[in-house]
């Protein structure tokens, strides 16, 4: 059974939380985001292969290596992000998507819209960040 979504559909607080339309909306949003990251990754790989040349000038070589390192770090962050997107897609399938992993309460639609991979409500995320800060300050 498939649900038709209007291209201008946005989840609303006026409908049941994580109904079929909302799950489909966030699933499509996550898949589009993942596809974009994978496309960017392929472009970077092609760019790095094209850039794999010997620069006779030491400054050019250093600049090229720095650019390469920055791109590789960005791709590593994107690889981790893709893993989080995959985890969010699994939560959509098992029915736990949209609910805080710490409290079990619904995560606000506004938060999910802004960060569809969110696993904690804003309140739980703030508590988590405060605890992290305390440990970092020690």
C-alpha atoms as a PDB file:
ATOM      1  CA  UNK A   1       0.000   0.000   0.000  1.00  0.00           C
ATOM      2  CA  UNK A   2       1.619   3.225  -1.102  1.00  0.00           C
ATOM      3  CA  UNK A   3       0.850   6.728   0.091  1.00  0.00           C
ATOM      4  CA  UNK A   4       0.803   9.548  -2.420  1.00  0.00           C
ATOM      5  CA  UNK A   5       2.582  12.646  -1.200  1.00  0.00           C
ATOM      6  CA  UNK A   6       2.021  16.058  -2.661  1.00  0.00           C
ATOM      7  CA  UNK A   7       5.296  17.720  -3.555  1.00  0.00           C
ATOM      8  CA  UNK A   8       4.407  20.551  -1.170  1.00  0.00           C
ATOM      9  CA  UNK A   9       3.488  18.235   1.730  1.00  0.00           C
ATOM     10  CA  UNK A  10       4.983  19.173   5.101  1.00  0.00           C
ATOM     11  CA  UNK A  11       4.330  17.188   8.286  1.00  0.00           C
ATOM     12  CA  UNK A  12       1.995  18.979  10.650  1.00  0.00           C
ATOM     13  CA  UNK A  13       1.276  18.871  14.378  1.00  0.00           C
ATOM     14  CA  UNK A  14      -2.424  18.578  13.394  1.00  0.00           C
ATOM     15  CA  UNK A  15      -2.038  14.970  12.224  1.00  0.00           C
ATOM     16  CA  UNK A  16      -1.124  11.827  14.163  1.00  0.00           C
ATOM     17  CA  UNK A  17       2.600  11.678  14.943  1.00  0.00           C
ATOM     18  CA  UNK A  18       4.654   9.480  12.602  1.00  0.00           C
ATOM     19  CA  UNK A  19       1.682   8.425  10.540  1.00  0.00           C
ATOM     20  CA  UNK A  20       2.317   6.772   7.185  1.00  0.00           C
ATOM     21  CA  UNK A  21       2.548  10.110   5.320  1.00  0.00           C
ATOM     22  CA  UNK A  22       5.113  11.491   7.754  1.00  0.00           C
ATOM     23  CA  UNK A  23       7.215   8.318   7.675  1.00  0.00           C
ATOM     24  CA  UNK A  24       7.164   8.416   3.867  1.00  0.00           C
ATOM     25  CA  UNK A  25       8.051  12.121   3.850  1.00  0.00           C
ATOM     26  CA  UNK A  26      11.084  11.622   6.093  1.00  0.00           C
ATOM     27  CA  UNK A  27      12.112   8.446   4.266  1.00  0.00           C
ATOM     28  CA  UNK A  28      12.109  10.311   0.935  1.00  0.00           C
ATOM     29  CA  UNK A  29      13.971  13.247   2.499  1.00  0.00           C
ATOM     30  CA  UNK A  30      16.656  10.948   3.933  1.00  0.00           C
ATOM     31  CA  UNK A  31      17.078   9.024   0.680  1.00  0.00           C
ATOM     32  CA  UNK A  32      17.437  12.266  -1.309  1.00  0.00           C
ATOM     33  CA  UNK A  33      20.041  13.502   1.180  1.00  0.00           C
ATOM     34  CA  UNK A  34      21.958  10.228   0.973  1.00  0.00           C
ATOM     35  CA  UNK A  35      21.868  10.280  -2.836  1.00  0.00           C
ATOM     36  CA  UNK A  36      23.261  13.825  -2.821  1.00  0.00           C
ATOM     37  CA  UNK A  37      26.103  12.814  -0.480  1.00  0.00           C
ATOM     38  CA  UNK A  38      26.957   9.785  -2.612  1.00  0.00           C
ATOM     39  CA  UNK A  39      26.952  11.918  -5.769  1.00  0.00           C
ATOM     40  CA  UNK A  40      29.291  14.436  -4.091  1.00  0.00           C
ATOM     41  CA  UNK A  41      31.520  11.587  -2.986  1.00  0.00           C
ATOM     42  CA  UNK A  42      31.817  10.233  -6.527  1.00  0.00           C
ATOM     43  CA  UNK A  43      32.668  13.711  -7.806  1.00  0.00           C
ATOM     44  CA  UNK A  44      35.372  14.071  -5.160  1.00  0.00           C
ATOM     45  CA  UNK A  45      36.844  10.704  -6.063  1.00  0.00           C
ATOM     46  CA  UNK A  46      36.972  11.704  -9.724  1.00  0.00           C
ATOM     47  CA  UNK A  47      38.527  15.046  -8.779  1.00  0.00           C
ATOM     48  CA  UNK A  48      41.161  13.376  -6.595  1.00  0.00           C
ATOM     49  CA  UNK A  49      42.037  10.969  -9.405  1.00  0.00           C
ATOM     50  CA  UNK A  50      42.374  13.857 -11.884  1.00  0.00           C
ATOM     51  CA  UNK A  51      44.434  15.818  -9.371  1.00  0.00           C
ATOM     52  CA  UNK A  52      46.825  12.906  -8.867  1.00  0.00           C
ATOM     53  CA  UNK A  53      49.637  14.599 -10.714  1.00  0.00           C
ATOM     54  CA  UNK A  54      53.168  15.546  -9.811  1.00  0.00           C
ATOM     55  CA  UNK A  55      53.645  19.249  -9.230  1.00  0.00           C
ATOM     56  CA  UNK A  56      57.206  20.359  -9.962  1.00  0.00           C
ATOM     57  CA  UNK A  57      56.803  23.401  -7.715  1.00  0.00           C
ATOM     58  CA  UNK A  58      57.025  22.610  -3.980  1.00  0.00           C
ATOM     59  CA  UNK A  59      54.414  25.232  -3.062  1.00  0.00           C
ATOM     60  CA  UNK A  60      51.960  23.855  -5.627  1.00  0.00           C
ATOM     61  CA  UNK A  61      52.522  20.340  -4.303  1.00  0.00           C
ATOM     62  CA  UNK A  62      51.980  21.447  -0.688  1.00  0.00           C
ATOM     63  CA  UNK A  63      48.825  23.321  -1.642  1.00  0.00           C
ATOM     64  CA  UNK A  64      47.527  20.312  -3.554  1.00  0.00           C
ATOM     65  CA  UNK A  65      48.220  17.991  -0.591  1.00  0.00           C
ATOM     66  CA  UNK A  66      46.443  20.354   1.791  1.00  0.00           C
ATOM     67  CA  UNK A  67      43.406  20.521  -0.506  1.00  0.00           C
ATOM     68  CA  UNK A  68      43.423  16.737  -0.775  1.00  0.00           C
ATOM     69  CA  UNK A  69      43.550  16.311   3.017  1.00  0.00           C
ATOM     70  CA  UNK A  70      40.649  18.721   3.483  1.00  0.00           C
ATOM     71  CA  UNK A  71      38.550  16.899   0.882  1.00  0.00           C
ATOM     72  CA  UNK A  72      39.321  13.527   2.459  1.00  0.00           C
ATOM     73  CA  UNK A  73      38.296  14.797   5.918  1.00  0.00           C
ATOM     74  CA  UNK A  74      35.059  16.148   4.457  1.00  0.00           C
ATOM     75  CA  UNK A  75      34.369  12.799   2.781  1.00  0.00           C
ATOM     76  CA  UNK A  76      35.018  10.984   6.056  1.00  0.00           C
ATOM     77  CA  UNK A  77      32.439  13.196   7.779  1.00  0.00           C
ATOM     78  CA  UNK A  78      30.017  12.460   4.946  1.00  0.00           C
ATOM     79  CA  UNK A  79      30.674   8.724   5.284  1.00  0.00           C
ATOM     80  CA  UNK A  80      29.699   8.953   8.959  1.00  0.00           C
ATOM     81  CA  UNK A  81      26.639  10.999   8.019  1.00  0.00           C
ATOM     82  CA  UNK A  82      25.568   8.334   5.510  1.00  0.00           C
ATOM     83  CA  UNK A  83      25.791   5.739   8.300  1.00  0.00           C
ATOM     84  CA  UNK A  84      23.494   7.932  10.424  1.00  0.00           C
ATOM     85  CA  UNK A  85      21.077   8.306   7.502  1.00  0.00           C
ATOM     86  CA  UNK A  86      21.034   4.511   7.055  1.00  0.00           C
ATOM     87  CA  UNK A  87      20.330   4.112  10.783  1.00  0.00           C
ATOM     88  CA  UNK A  88      17.450   6.618  10.518  1.00  0.00           C
ATOM     89  CA  UNK A  89      16.012   4.681   7.547  1.00  0.00           C
ATOM     90  CA  UNK A  90      16.182   1.491   9.638  1.00  0.00           C
ATOM     91  CA  UNK A  91      14.328   3.258  12.470  1.00  0.00           C
ATOM     92  CA  UNK A  92      11.617   4.281   9.985  1.00  0.00           C
ATOM     93  CA  UNK A  93      11.254   0.623   9.005  1.00  0.00           C
ATOM     94  CA  UNK A  94      11.120  -0.661  12.602  1.00  0.00           C
ATOM     95  CA  UNK A  95       8.758   2.104  13.764  1.00  0.00           C
ATOM     96  CA  UNK A  96      11.104   3.805  16.241  1.00  0.00           C
ATOM     97  CA  UNK A  97      11.894   6.819  14.029  1.00  0.00           C
ATOM     98  CA  UNK A  98      10.901  10.164  15.479  1.00  0.00           C
ATOM     99  CA  UNK A  99      11.036   9.013  19.093  1.00  0.00           C
ATOM    100  CA  UNK A 100      13.786  10.051  21.513  1.00  0.00           C
ATOM    101  CA  UNK A 101      16.192   7.197  22.249  1.00  0.00           C
ATOM    102  CA  UNK A 102      16.599   8.466  25.809  1.00  0.00           C
ATOM    103  CA  UNK A 103      13.035   9.295  26.863  1.00  0.00           C
ATOM    104  CA  UNK A 104      10.845   7.536  24.313  1.00  0.00           C
ATOM    105  CA  UNK A 105       8.947  10.791  23.779  1.00  0.00           C
ATOM    106  CA  UNK A 106       8.271  12.121  20.258  1.00  0.00           C
ATOM    107  CA  UNK A 107      10.964  14.360  18.773  1.00  0.00           C
ATOM    108  CA  UNK A 108       9.405  17.578  17.520  1.00  0.00           C
ATOM    109  CA  UNK A 109       8.589  17.715  13.817  1.00  0.00           C
ATOM    110  CA  UNK A 110      10.493  21.000  13.560  1.00  0.00           C
ATOM    111  CA  UNK A 111      13.630  19.292  14.887  1.00  0.00           C
ATOM    112  CA  UNK A 112      13.194  16.330  12.540  1.00  0.00           C
ATOM    113  CA  UNK A 113      12.644  18.691   9.631  1.00  0.00           C
ATOM    114  CA  UNK A 114      15.899  20.509  10.438  1.00  0.00           C
ATOM    115  CA  UNK A 115      17.873  17.372  11.370  1.00  0.00           C
ATOM    116  CA  UNK A 116      16.133  14.236  10.067  1.00  0.00           C
ATOM    117  CA  UNK A 117      18.819  11.989  11.606  1.00  0.00           C
ATOM    118  CA  UNK A 118      18.077  13.259  15.140  1.00  0.00           C
ATOM    119  CA  UNK A 119      17.803  10.506  17.739  1.00  0.00           C
ATOM    120  CA  UNK A 120      17.244  12.712  20.787  1.00  0.00           C
ATOM    121  CA  UNK A 121      14.642  15.339  21.631  1.00  0.00           C
ATOM    122  CA  UNK A 122      15.972  18.861  22.087  1.00  0.00           C
ATOM    123  CA  UNK A 123      15.788  18.515  25.868  1.00  0.00           C
ATOM    124  CA  UNK A 124      17.667  15.190  25.862  1.00  0.00           C
ATOM    125  CA  UNK A 125      20.252  16.575  23.414  1.00  0.00           C
ATOM    126  CA  UNK A 126      20.841  19.596  25.667  1.00  0.00           C
ATOM    127  CA  UNK A 127      21.322  17.301  28.700  1.00  0.00           C
ATOM    128  CA  UNK A 128      23.731  15.181  26.678  1.00  0.00           C
ATOM    129  CA  UNK A 129      25.738  18.250  25.603  1.00  0.00           C
ATOM    130  CA  UNK A 130      25.859  19.599  29.187  1.00  0.00           C
ATOM    131  CA  UNK A 131      27.220  16.248  30.441  1.00  0.00           C
ATOM    132  CA  UNK A 132      29.756  16.240  27.595  1.00  0.00           C
ATOM    133  CA  UNK A 133      30.874  19.761  28.496  1.00  0.00           C
ATOM    134  CA  UNK A 134      31.317  18.824  32.151  1.00  0.00           C
ATOM    135  CA  UNK A 135      33.558  15.898  31.203  1.00  0.00           C
ATOM    136  CA  UNK A 136      35.540  18.017  28.741  1.00  0.00           C
ATOM    137  CA  UNK A 137      36.141  20.728  31.334  1.00  0.00           C
ATOM    138  CA  UNK A 138      37.640  18.239  33.811  1.00  0.00           C
END
